[in-house]
Amino acid sequence: MANIIGPKPSKRRLLMSVTQSILLYRSEIWADALKQKKYRKTMAAVQHRGVLKIACSYRTVSESAALVIAGVIPIDLLALERKKIFEKSPEVGKENTRLEARIATEECWQRRWNNDR
């Protein structure tokens, strides 16, 4: 897809959500593997390409800036969020667990953004 001409960002966001669903398939099991830099970088590279298309920006834009502009949470944080939901859902309740996990993910993302600047 071209950066300027082509589908609108809403359609690009839909394609990105499909890509994230594929990347995060059964992430409850393998989320801990993303603690290794090698695996995290591989997953982030795929996500970065999609985020650049959503933001209609060039490849020279940093990964963290493109994620913030597009409003997409980093893939490693999403995988850890899914793992937390999977582990706690029988105890507390699914909706409460999802809300707590999302708040924790957004706080972690904010700390990461503050450290990157």
PDB file of N, CA and C in Angstrom:
ATOM      1  N   MET A   1       0.831  -1.177   0.000  1.00  0.00           N
ATOM      2  CA  MET A   1       0.000   0.000   0.000  1.00  0.00           C
ATOM      3  C   MET A   1       0.876   1.241   0.000  1.00  0.00           C
ATOM      4  N   ALA A   2       0.463   2.213  -0.759  1.00  0.00           N
ATOM      5  CA  ALA A   2       1.169   3.480  -0.790  1.00  0.00           C
ATOM      6  C   ALA A   2       0.863   4.260   0.491  1.00  0.00           C
ATOM      7  N   ASN A   3       1.791   5.133   0.883  1.00  0.00           N
ATOM      8  CA  ASN A   3       1.578   5.918   2.097  1.00  0.00           C
ATOM      9  C   ASN A   3       0.548   7.018   1.899  1.00  0.00           C
ATOM     10  N   ILE A   4       0.495   7.598   0.734  1.00  0.00           N
ATOM     11  CA  ILE A   4      -0.361   8.757   0.490  1.00  0.00           C
ATOM     12  C   ILE A   4      -1.702   8.339  -0.094  1.00  0.00           C
ATOM     13  N   ILE A   5      -1.673   7.614  -1.178  1.00  0.00           N
ATOM     14  CA  ILE A   5      -2.887   7.221  -1.873  1.00  0.00           C
ATOM     15  C   ILE A   5      -3.179   5.760  -1.529  1.00  0.00           C
ATOM     16  N   GLY A   6      -4.437   5.461  -1.322  1.00  0.00           N
ATOM     17  CA  GLY A   6      -4.806   4.097  -0.997  1.00  0.00           C
ATOM     18  C   GLY A   6      -5.935   4.084  -0.001  1.00  0.00           C
ATOM     19  N   PRO A   7      -6.092   2.973   0.709  1.00  0.00           N
ATOM     20  CA  PRO A   7      -7.179   2.870   1.681  1.00  0.00           C
ATOM     21  C   PRO A   7      -7.038   3.907   2.802  1.00  0.00           C
ATOM     22  N   LYS A   8      -8.165   4.257   3.390  1.00  0.00           N
ATOM     23  CA  LYS A   8      -8.169   5.197   4.508  1.00  0.00           C
ATOM     24  C   LYS A   8      -7.574   4.521   5.739  1.00  0.00           C
ATOM     25  N   PRO A   9      -7.133   5.338   6.710  1.00  0.00           N
ATOM     26  CA  PRO A   9      -6.544   4.758   7.927  1.00  0.00           C
ATOM     27  C   PRO A   9      -7.474   3.783   8.657  1.00  0.00           C
ATOM     28  N   SER A  10      -8.780   3.965   8.544  1.00  0.00           N
ATOM     29  CA  SER A  10      -9.689   3.034   9.217  1.00  0.00           C
ATOM     30  C   SER A  10      -9.592   1.636   8.613  1.00  0.00           C
ATOM     31  N   LYS A  11      -9.457   1.552   7.305  1.00  0.00           N
ATOM     32  CA  LYS A  11      -9.291   0.243   6.666  1.00  0.00           C
ATOM     33  C   LYS A  11      -7.924  -0.335   6.966  1.00  0.00           C
ATOM     34  N   ARG A  12      -6.916   0.526   7.037  1.00  0.00           N
ATOM     35  CA  ARG A  12      -5.573   0.057   7.382  1.00  0.00           C
ATOM     36  C   ARG A  12      -5.547  -0.474   8.816  1.00  0.00           C
ATOM     37  N   ARG A  13      -6.306   0.202   9.712  1.00  0.00           N
ATOM     38  CA  ARG A  13      -6.393  -0.239  11.103  1.00  0.00           C
ATOM     39  C   ARG A  13      -7.048  -1.618  11.192  1.00  0.00           C
ATOM     40  N   LEU A  14      -8.046  -1.862  10.340  1.00  0.00           N
ATOM     41  CA  LEU A  14      -8.695  -3.169  10.300  1.00  0.00           C
ATOM     42  C   LEU A  14      -7.697  -4.250   9.890  1.00  0.00           C
ATOM     43  N   LEU A  15      -6.899  -3.979   8.863  1.00  0.00           N
ATOM     44  CA  LEU A  15      -5.876  -4.935   8.443  1.00  0.00           C
ATOM     45  C   LEU A  15      -4.852  -5.170   9.557  1.00  0.00           C
ATOM     46  N   MET A  16      -4.530  -4.112  10.299  1.00  0.00           N
ATOM     47  CA  MET A  16      -3.575  -4.246  11.396  1.00  0.00           C
ATOM     48  C   MET A  16      -4.160  -5.101  12.513  1.00  0.00           C
ATOM     49  N   SER A  17      -5.453  -4.976  12.774  1.00  0.00           N
ATOM     50  CA  SER A  17      -6.057  -5.797  13.831  1.00  0.00           C
ATOM     51  C   SER A  17      -6.052  -7.273  13.449  1.00  0.00           C
ATOM     52  N   VAL A  18      -6.209  -7.553  12.162  1.00  0.00           N
ATOM     53  CA  VAL A  18      -6.122  -8.950  11.706  1.00  0.00           C
ATOM     54  C   VAL A  18      -4.697  -9.468  11.895  1.00  0.00           C
ATOM     55  N   THR A  19      -3.732  -8.646  11.550  1.00  0.00           N
ATOM     56  CA  THR A  19      -2.336  -9.030  11.721  1.00  0.00           C
ATOM     57  C   THR A  19      -2.015  -9.274  13.191  1.00  0.00           C
ATOM     58  N   GLN A  20      -2.519  -8.408  14.069  1.00  0.00           N
ATOM     59  CA  GLN A  20      -2.267  -8.599  15.490  1.00  0.00           C
ATOM     60  C   GLN A  20      -2.929  -9.868  16.013  1.00  0.00           C
ATOM     61  N   SER A  21      -4.097 -10.175  15.500  1.00  0.00           N
ATOM     62  CA  SER A  21      -4.757 -11.411  15.924  1.00  0.00           C
ATOM     63  C   SER A  21      -3.924 -12.629  15.551  1.00  0.00           C
ATOM     64  N   ILE A  22      -3.341 -12.588  14.370  1.00  0.00           N
ATOM     65  CA  ILE A  22      -2.490 -13.696  13.929  1.00  0.00           C
ATOM     66  C   ILE A  22      -1.216 -13.759  14.776  1.00  0.00           C
ATOM     67  N   LEU A  23      -0.608 -12.604  15.036  1.00  0.00           N
ATOM     68  CA  LEU A  23       0.614 -12.574  15.831  1.00  0.00           C
ATOM     69  C   LEU A  23       0.386 -13.029  17.264  1.00  0.00           C
ATOM     70  N   LEU A  24      -0.783 -12.721  17.803  1.00  0.00           N
ATOM     71  CA  LEU A  24      -1.054 -13.021  19.210  1.00  0.00           C
ATOM     72  C   LEU A  24      -1.768 -14.348  19.427  1.00  0.00           C
ATOM     73  N   TYR A  25      -1.853 -15.168  18.404  1.00  0.00           N
ATOM     74  CA  TYR A  25      -2.535 -16.450  18.533  1.00  0.00           C
ATOM     75  C   TYR A  25      -1.863 -17.290  19.611  1.00  0.00           C
ATOM     76  N   ARG A  26      -2.630 -17.689  20.618  1.00  0.00           N
ATOM     77  CA  ARG A  26      -2.182 -18.493  21.754  1.00  0.00           C
ATOM     78  C   ARG A  26      -1.011 -17.852  22.508  1.00  0.00           C
ATOM     79  N   SER A  27      -1.017 -16.536  22.586  1.00  0.00           N
ATOM     80  CA  SER A  27       0.074 -15.831  23.264  1.00  0.00           C
ATOM     81  C   SER A  27       0.090 -16.084  24.764  1.00  0.00           C
ATOM     82  N   GLU A  28      -0.997 -16.641  25.295  1.00  0.00           N
ATOM     83  CA  GLU A  28      -1.018 -16.964  26.715  1.00  0.00           C
ATOM     84  C   GLU A  28       0.088 -17.963  27.052  1.00  0.00           C
ATOM     85  N   ILE A  29       0.448 -18.774  26.085  1.00  0.00           N
ATOM     86  CA  ILE A  29       1.428 -19.828  26.301  1.00  0.00           C
ATOM     87  C   ILE A  29       2.858 -19.312  26.123  1.00  0.00           C
ATOM     88  N   TRP A  30       3.096 -18.523  25.094  1.00  0.00           N
ATOM     89  CA  TRP A  30       4.462 -18.145  24.744  1.00  0.00           C
ATOM     90  C   TRP A  30       4.816 -16.690  25.075  1.00  0.00           C
ATOM     91  N   ALA A  31       3.993 -15.983  25.826  1.00  0.00           N
ATOM     92  CA  ALA A  31       4.238 -14.559  26.111  1.00  0.00           C
ATOM     93  C   ALA A  31       5.566 -14.332  26.837  1.00  0.00           C
ATOM     94  N   ASP A  32       5.976 -15.266  27.665  1.00  0.00           N
ATOM     95  CA  ASP A  32       7.237 -15.097  28.388  1.00  0.00           C
ATOM     96  C   ASP A  32       8.449 -15.117  27.465  1.00  0.00           C
ATOM     97  N   ALA A  33       8.304 -15.696  26.295  1.00  0.00           N
ATOM     98  CA  ALA A  33       9.423 -15.731  25.345  1.00  0.00           C
ATOM     99  C   ALA A  33       9.769 -14.334  24.836  1.00  0.00           C
ATOM    100  N   LEU A  34       8.818 -13.400  24.919  1.00  0.00           N
ATOM    101  CA  LEU A  34       9.080 -12.048  24.440  1.00  0.00           C
ATOM    102  C   LEU A  34       9.968 -11.252  25.384  1.00  0.00           C
ATOM    103  N   LYS A  35      10.369 -11.840  26.491  1.00  0.00           N
ATOM    104  CA  LYS A  35      11.329 -11.179  27.366  1.00  0.00           C
ATOM    105  C   LYS A  35      12.718 -11.181  26.727  1.00  0.00           C
ATOM    106  N   GLN A  36      12.926 -12.080  25.777  1.00  0.00           N
ATOM    107  CA  GLN A  36      14.184 -12.097  25.034  1.00  0.00           C
ATOM    108  C   GLN A  36      14.100 -11.077  23.906  1.00  0.00           C
ATOM    109  N   LYS A  37      15.124 -10.286  23.795  1.00  0.00           N
ATOM    110  CA  LYS A  37      15.139  -9.177  22.840  1.00  0.00           C
ATOM    111  C   LYS A  37      14.972  -9.650  21.398  1.00  0.00           C
ATOM    112  N   LYS A  38      15.539 -10.775  21.068  1.00  0.00           N
ATOM    113  CA  LYS A  38      15.507 -11.306  19.703  1.00  0.00           C
ATOM    114  C   LYS A  38      14.063 -11.527  19.241  1.00  0.00           C
ATOM    115  N   TYR A  39      13.264 -12.178  20.064  1.00  0.00           N
ATOM    116  CA  TYR A  39      11.888 -12.478  19.692  1.00  0.00           C
ATOM    117  C   TYR A  39      11.019 -11.217  19.693  1.00  0.00           C
ATOM    118  N   ARG A  40      11.278 -10.347  20.662  1.00  0.00           N
ATOM    119  CA  ARG A  40      10.521  -9.106  20.759  1.00  0.00           C
ATOM    120  C   ARG A  40      10.756  -8.231  19.538  1.00  0.00           C
ATOM    121  N   LYS A  41      12.000  -8.156  19.077  1.00  0.00           N
ATOM    122  CA  LYS A  41      12.317  -7.337  17.911  1.00  0.00           C
ATOM    123  C   LYS A  41      11.685  -7.887  16.636  1.00  0.00           C
ATOM    124  N   THR A  42      11.636  -9.197  16.521  1.00  0.00           N
ATOM    125  CA  THR A  42      11.032  -9.820  15.340  1.00  0.00           C
ATOM    126  C   THR A  42       9.548  -9.501  15.258  1.00  0.00           C
ATOM    127  N   MET A  43       8.858  -9.632  16.380  1.00  0.00           N
ATOM    128  CA  MET A  43       7.422  -9.339  16.406  1.00  0.00           C
ATOM    129  C   MET A  43       7.176  -7.841  16.207  1.00  0.00           C
ATOM    130  N   ALA A  44       8.014  -7.019  16.820  1.00  0.00           N
ATOM    131  CA  ALA A  44       7.833  -5.574  16.720  1.00  0.00           C
ATOM    132  C   ALA A  44       8.079  -5.072  15.292  1.00  0.00           C
ATOM    133  N   ALA A  45       8.953  -5.738  14.558  1.00  0.00           N
ATOM    134  CA  ALA A  45       9.220  -5.321  13.176  1.00  0.00           C
ATOM    135  C   ALA A  45       7.982  -5.494  12.299  1.00  0.00           C
ATOM    136  N   VAL A  46       7.277  -6.577  12.497  1.00  0.00           N
ATOM    137  CA  VAL A  46       6.040  -6.805  11.736  1.00  0.00           C
ATOM    138  C   VAL A  46       4.994  -5.760  12.122  1.00  0.00           C
ATOM    139  N   GLN A  47       4.875  -5.518  13.418  1.00  0.00           N
ATOM    140  CA  GLN A  47       3.901  -4.538  13.877  1.00  0.00           C
ATOM    141  C   GLN A  47       4.271  -3.135  13.388  1.00  0.00           C
ATOM    142  N   HIS A  48       5.544  -2.823  13.365  1.00  0.00           N
ATOM    143  CA  HIS A  48       5.993  -1.496  12.943  1.00  0.00           C
ATOM    144  C   HIS A  48       5.595  -1.202  11.498  1.00  0.00           C
ATOM    145  N   ARG A  49       5.715  -2.184  10.636  1.00  0.00           N
ATOM    146  CA  ARG A  49       5.306  -1.973   9.240  1.00  0.00           C
ATOM    147  C   ARG A  49       3.831  -1.609   9.135  1.00  0.00           C
ATOM    148  N   GLY A  50       3.002  -2.326   9.874  1.00  0.00           N
ATOM    149  CA  GLY A  50       1.567  -2.039   9.842  1.00  0.00           C
ATOM    150  C   GLY A  50       1.232  -0.700  10.449  1.00  0.00           C
ATOM    151  N   VAL A  51       1.916  -0.334  11.523  1.00  0.00           N
ATOM    152  CA  VAL A  51       1.661   0.938  12.191  1.00  0.00           C
ATOM    153  C   VAL A  51       2.069   2.101  11.300  1.00  0.00           C
ATOM    154  N   LEU A  52       3.145   1.938  10.555  1.00  0.00           N
ATOM    155  CA  LEU A  52       3.556   2.989   9.630  1.00  0.00           C
ATOM    156  C   LEU A  52       2.486   3.229   8.567  1.00  0.00           C
ATOM    157  N   LYS A  53       1.834   2.181   8.144  1.00  0.00           N
ATOM    158  CA  LYS A  53       0.766   2.323   7.153  1.00  0.00           C
ATOM    159  C   LYS A  53      -0.458   3.008   7.750  1.00  0.00           C
ATOM    160  N   ILE A  54      -0.793   2.684   9.000  1.00  0.00           N
ATOM    161  CA  ILE A  54      -1.941   3.326   9.650  1.00  0.00           C
ATOM    162  C   ILE A  54      -1.686   4.824   9.798  1.00  0.00           C
ATOM    163  N   ALA A  55      -0.475   5.189  10.224  1.00  0.00           N
ATOM    164  CA  ALA A  55      -0.133   6.588  10.462  1.00  0.00           C
ATOM    165  C   ALA A  55       0.216   7.325   9.173  1.00  0.00           C
ATOM    166  N   CYS A  56       0.276   6.610   8.047  1.00  0.00           N
ATOM    167  CA  CYS A  56       0.663   7.195   6.752  1.00  0.00           C
ATOM    168  C   CYS A  56       1.994   7.938   6.876  1.00  0.00           C
ATOM    169  N   SER A  57       2.966   7.287   7.496  1.00  0.00           N
ATOM    170  CA  SER A  57       4.271   7.899   7.702  1.00  0.00           C
ATOM    171  C   SER A  57       5.354   7.088   7.015  1.00  0.00           C
ATOM    172  N   TYR A  58       6.537   7.643   7.007  1.00  0.00           N
ATOM    173  CA  TYR A  58       7.656   7.001   6.343  1.00  0.00           C
ATOM    174  C   TYR A  58       8.379   6.049   7.285  1.00  0.00           C
ATOM    175  N   ARG A  59       9.224   5.203   6.733  1.00  0.00           N
ATOM    176  CA  ARG A  59       9.894   4.176   7.530  1.00  0.00           C
ATOM    177  C   ARG A  59      10.932   4.740   8.486  1.00  0.00           C
ATOM    178  N   THR A  60      11.284   6.016   8.336  1.00  0.00           N
ATOM    179  CA  THR A  60      12.275   6.618   9.224  1.00  0.00           C
ATOM    180  C   THR A  60      11.686   7.045  10.566  1.00  0.00           C
ATOM    181  N   VAL A  61      10.371   7.016  10.695  1.00  0.00           N
ATOM    182  CA  VAL A  61       9.728   7.351  11.967  1.00  0.00           C
ATOM    183  C   VAL A  61      10.015   6.225  12.954  1.00  0.00           C
ATOM    184  N   SER A  62      10.387   6.593  14.162  1.00  0.00           N
ATOM    185  CA  SER A  62      10.737   5.575  15.155  1.00  0.00           C
ATOM    186  C   SER A  62       9.527   4.718  15.502  1.00  0.00           C
ATOM    187  N   GLU A  63       9.820   3.536  16.001  1.00  0.00           N
ATOM    188  CA  GLU A  63       8.753   2.586  16.337  1.00  0.00           C
ATOM    189  C   GLU A  63       7.849   3.135  17.430  1.00  0.00           C
ATOM    190  N   SER A  64       8.446   3.670  18.485  1.00  0.00           N
ATOM    191  CA  SER A  64       7.628   4.158  19.591  1.00  0.00           C
ATOM    192  C   SER A  64       6.768   5.343  19.183  1.00  0.00           C
ATOM    193  N   ALA A  65       7.296   6.232  18.365  1.00  0.00           N
ATOM    194  CA  ALA A  65       6.510   7.385  17.899  1.00  0.00           C
ATOM    195  C   ALA A  65       5.373   6.935  16.988  1.00  0.00           C
ATOM    196  N   ALA A  66       5.641   6.000  16.106  1.00  0.00           N
ATOM    197  CA  ALA A  66       4.602   5.510  15.201  1.00  0.00           C
ATOM    198  C   ALA A  66       3.488   4.802  15.971  1.00  0.00           C
ATOM    199  N   LEU A  67       3.842   4.066  17.015  1.00  0.00           N
ATOM    200  CA  LEU A  67       2.832   3.386  17.828  1.00  0.00           C
ATOM    201  C   LEU A  67       1.927   4.394  18.518  1.00  0.00           C
ATOM    202  N   VAL A  68       2.512   5.466  19.037  1.00  0.00           N
ATOM    203  CA  VAL A  68       1.717   6.486  19.722  1.00  0.00           C
ATOM    204  C   VAL A  68       0.819   7.218  18.740  1.00  0.00           C
ATOM    205  N   ILE A  69       1.350   7.581  17.583  1.00  0.00           N
ATOM    206  CA  ILE A  69       0.556   8.298  16.578  1.00  0.00           C
ATOM    207  C   ILE A  69      -0.614   7.448  16.113  1.00  0.00           C
ATOM    208  N   ALA A  70      -0.367   6.167  15.884  1.00  0.00           N
ATOM    209  CA  ALA A  70      -1.424   5.272  15.403  1.00  0.00           C
ATOM    210  C   ALA A  70      -2.345   4.812  16.524  1.00  0.00           C
ATOM    211  N   GLY A  71      -1.901   4.944  17.771  1.00  0.00           N
ATOM    212  CA  GLY A  71      -2.712   4.508  18.900  1.00  0.00           C
ATOM    213  C   GLY A  71      -2.770   3.005  19.041  1.00  0.00           C
ATOM    214  N   VAL A  72      -1.661   2.344  18.723  1.00  0.00           N
ATOM    215  CA  VAL A  72      -1.581   0.883  18.795  1.00  0.00           C
ATOM    216  C   VAL A  72      -0.622   0.514  19.922  1.00  0.00           C
ATOM    217  N   ILE A  73      -1.050  -0.363  20.785  1.00  0.00           N
ATOM    218  CA  ILE A  73      -0.242  -0.815  21.915  1.00  0.00           C
ATOM    219  C   ILE A  73       0.838  -1.777  21.406  1.00  0.00           C
ATOM    220  N   PRO A  74       2.069  -1.678  21.911  1.00  0.00           N
ATOM    221  CA  PRO A  74       3.139  -2.583  21.474  1.00  0.00           C
ATOM    222  C   PRO A  74       2.756  -4.050  21.652  1.00  0.00           C
ATOM    223  N   ILE A  75       3.222  -4.872  20.734  1.00  0.00           N
ATOM    224  CA  ILE A  75       2.814  -6.268  20.649  1.00  0.00           C
ATOM    225  C   ILE A  75       3.254  -7.063  21.877  1.00  0.00           C
ATOM    226  N   ASP A  76       4.413  -6.751  22.441  1.00  0.00           N
ATOM    227  CA  ASP A  76       4.860  -7.504  23.613  1.00  0.00           C
ATOM    228  C   ASP A  76       3.992  -7.200  24.827  1.00  0.00           C
ATOM    229  N   LEU A  77       3.518  -5.975  24.950  1.00  0.00           N
ATOM    230  CA  LEU A  77       2.621  -5.639  26.055  1.00  0.00           C
ATOM    231  C   LEU A  77       1.254  -6.287  25.874  1.00  0.00           C
ATOM    232  N   LEU A  78       0.795  -6.368  24.633  1.00  0.00           N
ATOM    233  CA  LEU A  78      -0.480  -7.040  24.372  1.00  0.00           C
ATOM    234  C   LEU A  78      -0.413  -8.527  24.711  1.00  0.00           C
ATOM    235  N   ALA A  79       0.721  -9.148  24.394  1.00  0.00           N
ATOM    236  CA  ALA A  79       0.877 -10.572  24.696  1.00  0.00           C
ATOM    237  C   ALA A  79       0.882 -10.813  26.202  1.00  0.00           C
ATOM    238  N   LEU A  80       1.575  -9.960  26.937  1.00  0.00           N
ATOM    239  CA  LEU A  80       1.598 -10.105  28.394  1.00  0.00           C
ATOM    240  C   LEU A  80       0.223  -9.823  28.997  1.00  0.00           C
ATOM    241  N   GLU A  81      -0.509  -8.887  28.406  1.00  0.00           N
ATOM    242  CA  GLU A  81      -1.864  -8.596  28.874  1.00  0.00           C
ATOM    243  C   GLU A  81      -2.768  -9.811  28.702  1.00  0.00           C
ATOM    244  N   ARG A  82      -2.675 -10.452  27.554  1.00  0.00           N
ATOM    245  CA  ARG A  82      -3.487 -11.649  27.318  1.00  0.00           C
ATOM    246  C   ARG A  82      -3.130 -12.763  28.292  1.00  0.00           C
ATOM    247  N   LYS A  83      -1.846 -12.877  28.607  1.00  0.00           N
ATOM    248  CA  LYS A  83      -1.434 -13.911  29.552  1.00  0.00           C
ATOM    249  C   LYS A  83      -2.014 -13.633  30.936  1.00  0.00           C
ATOM    250  N   LYS A  84      -1.986 -12.364  31.372  1.00  0.00           N
ATOM    251  CA  LYS A  84      -2.549 -12.006  32.674  1.00  0.00           C
ATOM    252  C   LYS A  84      -4.040 -12.311  32.724  1.00  0.00           C
ATOM    253  N   ILE A  85      -4.746 -12.003  31.660  1.00  0.00           N
ATOM    254  CA  ILE A  85      -6.186 -12.261  31.606  1.00  0.00           C
ATOM    255  C   ILE A  85      -6.449 -13.759  31.681  1.00  0.00           C
ATOM    256  N   PHE A  86      -5.653 -14.534  30.977  1.00  0.00           N
ATOM    257  CA  PHE A  86      -5.827 -15.983  30.957  1.00  0.00           C
ATOM    258  C   PHE A  86      -5.585 -16.596  32.329  1.00  0.00           C
ATOM    259  N   GLU A  87      -4.583 -16.085  33.029  1.00  0.00           N
ATOM    260  CA  GLU A  87      -4.233 -16.656  34.330  1.00  0.00           C
ATOM    261  C   GLU A  87      -5.208 -16.275  35.437  1.00  0.00           C
ATOM    262  N   LYS A  88      -5.787 -15.072  35.377  1.00  0.00           N
ATOM    263  CA  LYS A  88      -6.621 -14.594  36.475  1.00  0.00           C
ATOM    264  C   LYS A  88      -8.119 -14.714  36.229  1.00  0.00           C
ATOM    265  N   SER A  89      -8.561 -14.969  35.022  1.00  0.00           N
ATOM    266  CA  SER A  89      -9.990 -14.899  34.721  1.00  0.00           C
ATOM    267  C   SER A  89     -10.877 -15.832  35.544  1.00  0.00           C
ATOM    268  N   PRO A  90     -10.495 -17.054  35.859  1.00  0.00           N
ATOM    269  CA  PRO A  90     -11.393 -17.889  36.667  1.00  0.00           C
ATOM    270  C   PRO A  90     -11.576 -17.366  38.096  1.00  0.00           C
ATOM    271  N   GLU A  91     -10.579 -16.680  38.626  1.00  0.00           N
ATOM    272  CA  GLU A  91     -10.627 -16.233  40.006  1.00  0.00           C
ATOM    273  C   GLU A  91     -11.510 -14.999  40.192  1.00  0.00           C
ATOM    274  N   VAL A  92     -11.275 -13.968  39.414  1.00  0.00           N
ATOM    275  CA  VAL A  92     -11.898 -12.670  39.653  1.00  0.00           C
ATOM    276  C   VAL A  92     -13.139 -12.449  38.810  1.00  0.00           C
ATOM    277  N   GLY A  93     -13.096 -12.821  37.584  1.00  0.00           N
ATOM    278  CA  GLY A  93     -14.147 -12.512  36.630  1.00  0.00           C
ATOM    279  C   GLY A  93     -13.501 -11.918  35.403  1.00  0.00           C
ATOM    280  N   LYS A  94     -14.021 -12.249  34.255  1.00  0.00           N
ATOM    281  CA  LYS A  94     -13.367 -11.889  33.011  1.00  0.00           C
ATOM    282  C   LYS A  94     -13.334 -10.380  32.766  1.00  0.00           C
ATOM    283  N   GLU A  95     -14.450  -9.695  32.976  1.00  0.00           N
ATOM    284  CA  GLU A  95     -14.504  -8.261  32.673  1.00  0.00           C
ATOM    285  C   GLU A  95     -13.603  -7.445  33.600  1.00  0.00           C
ATOM    286  N   ASN A  96     -13.621  -7.758  34.891  1.00  0.00           N
ATOM    287  CA  ASN A  96     -12.752  -7.040  35.830  1.00  0.00           C
ATOM    288  C   ASN A  96     -11.288  -7.286  35.505  1.00  0.00           C
ATOM    289  N   THR A  97     -10.964  -8.507  35.158  1.00  0.00           N
ATOM    290  CA  THR A  97      -9.585  -8.855  34.829  1.00  0.00           C
ATOM    291  C   THR A  97      -9.134  -8.115  33.577  1.00  0.00           C
ATOM    292  N   ARG A  98      -9.992  -8.059  32.568  1.00  0.00           N
ATOM    293  CA  ARG A  98      -9.629  -7.354  31.334  1.00  0.00           C
ATOM    294  C   ARG A  98      -9.385  -5.877  31.597  1.00  0.00           C
ATOM    295  N   LEU A  99     -10.235  -5.273  32.382  1.00  0.00           N
ATOM    296  CA  LEU A  99     -10.094  -3.855  32.682  1.00  0.00           C
ATOM    297  C   LEU A  99      -8.804  -3.589  33.453  1.00  0.00           C
ATOM    298  N   GLU A 100      -8.531  -4.387  34.459  1.00  0.00           N
ATOM    299  CA  GLU A 100      -7.308  -4.217  35.242  1.00  0.00           C
ATOM    300  C   GLU A 100      -6.058  -4.443  34.387  1.00  0.00           C
ATOM    301  N   ALA A 101      -6.106  -5.452  33.542  1.00  0.00           N
ATOM    302  CA  ALA A 101      -4.956  -5.749  32.683  1.00  0.00           C
ATOM    303  C   ALA A 101      -4.728  -4.627  31.674  1.00  0.00           C
ATOM    304  N   ARG A 102      -5.792  -4.062  31.119  1.00  0.00           N
ATOM    305  CA  ARG A 102      -5.642  -2.976  30.148  1.00  0.00           C
ATOM    306  C   ARG A 102      -5.076  -1.732  30.817  1.00  0.00           C
ATOM    307  N   ILE A 103      -5.523  -1.431  32.016  1.00  0.00           N
ATOM    308  CA  ILE A 103      -4.992  -0.271  32.744  1.00  0.00           C
ATOM    309  C   ILE A 103      -3.502  -0.461  33.026  1.00  0.00           C
ATOM    310  N   ALA A 104      -3.122  -1.653  33.453  1.00  0.00           N
ATOM    311  CA  ALA A 104      -1.708  -1.947  33.718  1.00  0.00           C
ATOM    312  C   ALA A 104      -0.876  -1.853  32.437  1.00  0.00           C
ATOM    313  N   THR A 105      -1.436  -2.321  31.324  1.00  0.00           N
ATOM    314  CA  THR A 105      -0.728  -2.260  30.044  1.00  0.00           C
ATOM    315  C   THR A 105      -0.520  -0.820  29.609  1.00  0.00           C
ATOM    316  N   GLU A 106      -1.547  -0.002  29.738  1.00  0.00           N
ATOM    317  CA  GLU A 106      -1.424   1.399  29.340  1.00  0.00           C
ATOM    318  C   GLU A 106      -0.434   2.152  30.223  1.00  0.00           C
ATOM    319  N   GLU A 107      -0.396   1.827  31.515  1.00  0.00           N
ATOM    320  CA  GLU A 107       0.586   2.453  32.406  1.00  0.00           C
ATOM    321  C   GLU A 107       2.001   2.059  32.023  1.00  0.00           C
ATOM    322  N   CYS A 108       2.198   0.791  31.702  1.00  0.00           N
ATOM    323  CA  CYS A 108       3.518   0.315  31.284  1.00  0.00           C
ATOM    324  C   CYS A 108       3.943   0.974  29.976  1.00  0.00           C
ATOM    325  N   TRP A 109       2.995   1.107  29.061  1.00  0.00           N
ATOM    326  CA  TRP A 109       3.271   1.760  27.774  1.00  0.00           C
ATOM    327  C   TRP A 109       3.638   3.223  27.997  1.00  0.00           C
ATOM    328  N   GLN A 110       2.940   3.904  28.902  1.00  0.00           N
ATOM    329  CA  GLN A 110       3.244   5.300  29.206  1.00  0.00           C
ATOM    330  C   GLN A 110       4.639   5.445  29.798  1.00  0.00           C
ATOM    331  N   ARG A 111       5.013   4.524  30.718  1.00  0.00           N
ATOM    332  CA  ARG A 111       6.367   4.569  31.301  1.00  0.00           C
ATOM    333  C   ARG A 111       7.417   4.354  30.217  1.00  0.00           C
ATOM    334  N   ARG A 112       7.141   3.417  29.323  1.00  0.00           N
ATOM    335  CA  ARG A 112       8.088   3.149  28.233  1.00  0.00           C
ATOM    336  C   ARG A 112       8.238   4.360  27.332  1.00  0.00           C
ATOM    337  N   TRP A 113       7.121   5.032  27.034  1.00  0.00           N
ATOM    338  CA  TRP A 113       7.150   6.229  26.179  1.00  0.00           C
ATOM    339  C   TRP A 113       7.932   7.341  26.867  1.00  0.00           C
ATOM    340  N   ASN A 114       7.733   7.527  28.163  1.00  0.00           N
ATOM    341  CA  ASN A 114       8.465   8.562  28.899  1.00  0.00           C
ATOM    342  C   ASN A 114       9.966   8.290  28.924  1.00  0.00           C
ATOM    343  N   ASN A 115      10.354   7.019  29.004  1.00  0.00           N
ATOM    344  CA  ASN A 115      11.773   6.667  29.016  1.00  0.00           C
ATOM    345  C   ASN A 115      12.408   6.789  27.643  1.00  0.00           C
ATOM    346  N   ASP A 116      11.639   6.622  26.564  1.00  0.00           N
ATOM    347  CA  ASP A 116      12.183   6.700  25.216  1.00  0.00           C
ATOM    348  C   ASP A 116      12.480   8.132  24.775  1.00  0.00           C
ATOM    349  N   ARG A 117      11.747   9.075  25.330  1.00  0.00           N
ATOM    350  CA  ARG A 117      11.934  10.460  24.876  1.00  0.00           C
ATOM    351  C   ARG A 117      13.168  11.055  25.387  1.00  0.00           C
TER     352      ARG A 117
END
